[in-house]
Protein backbone atom coordinates (compact mmCIF):
# COMPACT_ATOMS: atom_id res chain seq x y z
CA MET A 1 -5.55 41.16 -14.70
CA ALA A 2 -3.50 43.60 -11.78
CA ARG A 3 -3.45 42.48 -8.78
CA THR A 4 -4.61 45.12 -5.86
CA PRO A 5 -3.48 45.32 -1.95
CA ARG A 6 -6.62 44.02 -1.38
CA ARG A 7 -6.59 40.52 -2.74
CA TYR A 8 -2.37 40.42 -1.33
CA ALA A 9 -4.41 41.01 2.12
CA ARG A 10 -6.66 37.92 1.35
CA PHE A 11 -4.09 35.10 0.07
CA SER A 12 -2.23 36.82 2.52
CA ILE A 13 -5.01 35.57 5.85
CA THR A 14 -6.33 33.04 3.63
CA GLY A 15 -2.02 31.67 3.77
CA LEU A 16 -1.80 32.21 7.64
CA ALA A 17 -4.35 30.68 8.99
CA VAL A 18 -3.67 27.47 6.54
CA ALA A 19 -0.87 28.14 8.17
CA ALA A 20 -1.73 28.27 11.85
CA LEU A 21 -4.41 25.06 11.45
CA VAL A 22 -1.71 22.93 10.26
CA MET A 23 0.62 23.86 13.65
CA ALA A 24 -2.11 23.67 15.91
CA THR A 25 -2.67 19.68 14.62
CA ALA A 26 0.68 18.40 14.00
CA SER A 27 2.18 16.45 16.60
CA PRO A 28 5.44 15.43 17.05
CA ALA A 29 5.74 11.13 15.10
CA LEU A 30 6.37 8.85 18.36
CA ALA A 31 7.74 5.10 17.62
CA ASP A 32 5.32 3.38 16.08
CA ALA A 33 6.41 0.02 16.89
CA ILE A 34 7.30 -2.21 20.06
CA ASP A 35 11.20 -1.68 19.56
CA GLY A 36 12.38 -0.15 22.43
CA GLU A 37 13.33 -0.99 26.60
CA TRP A 38 9.67 -1.67 28.43
CA CYS A 39 8.95 -2.21 31.72
CA GLY A 40 7.22 -4.43 34.42
CA PRO A 41 4.31 -3.88 36.83
CA SER A 42 6.89 -5.48 39.35
CA GLY A 43 10.00 -3.75 38.15
CA GLN A 44 10.96 -6.28 34.99
CA ARG A 45 12.31 -4.52 32.32
CA LEU A 46 13.14 -6.07 28.77
CA ALA A 47 14.38 -4.81 25.40
CA ILE A 48 13.24 -5.68 22.13
CA ASP A 49 15.20 -4.44 19.11
CA GLY A 50 14.35 -6.62 15.88
CA PRO A 51 14.18 -9.69 16.28
CA LYS A 52 16.62 -9.89 19.62
CA ILE A 53 15.83 -9.28 22.68
CA VAL A 54 17.22 -8.45 25.87
CA THR A 55 14.87 -11.11 28.58
CA PRO A 56 14.14 -9.95 32.32
CA GLY A 57 16.26 -12.77 33.20
CA GLY A 58 19.28 -10.68 31.63
CA ASN A 59 19.69 -13.19 28.48
CA ALA A 60 20.10 -11.59 24.82
CA ILE A 61 17.65 -14.17 22.51
CA THR A 62 16.17 -14.15 19.70
CA GLY A 63 11.67 -13.88 18.97
CA ASN A 64 9.69 -13.81 16.61
CA TYR A 65 9.47 -9.97 15.59
CA SER A 66 6.60 -7.98 13.74
CA ARG A 67 5.91 -4.31 14.27
CA HIS A 68 3.41 -4.07 17.11
CA ALA A 69 4.28 -7.64 18.53
CA PHE A 70 6.80 -9.89 19.39
CA SER A 71 6.61 -13.54 20.83
CA TYR A 72 9.23 -15.44 23.07
CA ARG A 73 10.01 -18.79 24.83
CA VAL A 74 11.45 -18.28 28.09
CA PRO A 75 15.01 -19.82 28.76
CA ALA A 76 15.46 -22.70 30.79
CA ASN A 77 17.82 -20.60 33.25
CA GLU A 78 14.54 -18.02 33.75
CA PRO A 79 12.39 -18.31 36.19
CA GLY A 80 9.42 -19.52 34.31
CA ALA A 81 11.93 -21.67 31.42
CA GLY A 82 10.20 -22.94 28.08
CA THR A 83 7.17 -20.91 29.05
CA ASN A 84 6.02 -19.18 25.67
CA VAL A 85 5.87 -14.81 25.89
CA SER A 86 3.68 -12.65 23.63
CA MET A 87 3.87 -9.56 23.27
CA VAL A 88 1.43 -7.15 21.52
CA LEU A 89 1.48 -3.04 21.63
CA ILE A 90 -1.31 -1.48 22.97
CA ASN A 91 -0.21 2.32 21.90
CA GLU A 92 2.87 3.89 21.67
CA HIS A 93 3.62 3.40 25.19
CA ASN A 94 1.76 0.04 26.31
CA LEU A 95 1.95 -3.47 25.61
CA GLU A 96 0.41 -6.22 27.34
CA LEU A 97 2.49 -9.34 28.11
CA THR A 98 0.63 -13.04 28.37
CA ARG A 99 2.26 -15.76 29.41
CA SER A 100 0.93 -18.96 28.40
CA GLN A 101 1.67 -20.76 31.30
CA SER A 102 1.13 -17.63 34.00
CA PRO A 103 1.07 -19.30 37.66
CA PRO A 104 -2.85 -19.21 39.06
CA ALA A 105 -2.52 -16.39 41.38
CA GLN A 106 -2.36 -14.26 38.01
CA GLY A 107 -4.88 -16.08 36.18
CA GLY A 108 -2.88 -16.23 32.91
CA GLN A 109 -4.27 -12.49 32.27
CA PRO A 110 -2.66 -9.85 30.17
CA GLU A 111 -0.26 -8.21 32.26
CA ARG A 112 -0.07 -4.27 31.40
CA TRP A 113 4.14 -2.64 30.53
CA ARG A 114 4.56 0.62 30.05
CA ARG A 115 7.94 2.08 28.04
CA CYS A 116 10.70 2.67 30.19
CA LYS A 117 12.22 5.77 28.25
CA PHE A 118 9.31 7.30 25.87
CA THR A 119 10.36 7.74 22.03
CA SER A 120 9.77 10.94 20.34
């Protein structure tokens, strides 16, 4: 069966429509992991790289890492020494940090931290 110009035109239009739909719904790949640099609500900073963390006090230590969560015990030479800190990734740009022995003024509520730099 020979292909007619009309059939080619239909395939071309369909192909262009599919390509346009794919491009319109595509989004940039974003990091789906807790790794990266994080900024706290009071100007604190920390950095997570797998099981390694640089704490807000500047100590490079090892903690408990999973792709979407991290926890560690605050080192002896930092404020809040011995406190357990747990973080859970909320979305690509935010995490919740909870301290097991939060000061009464904070009421033990989770703190919202944001990425210092977006990863794309």
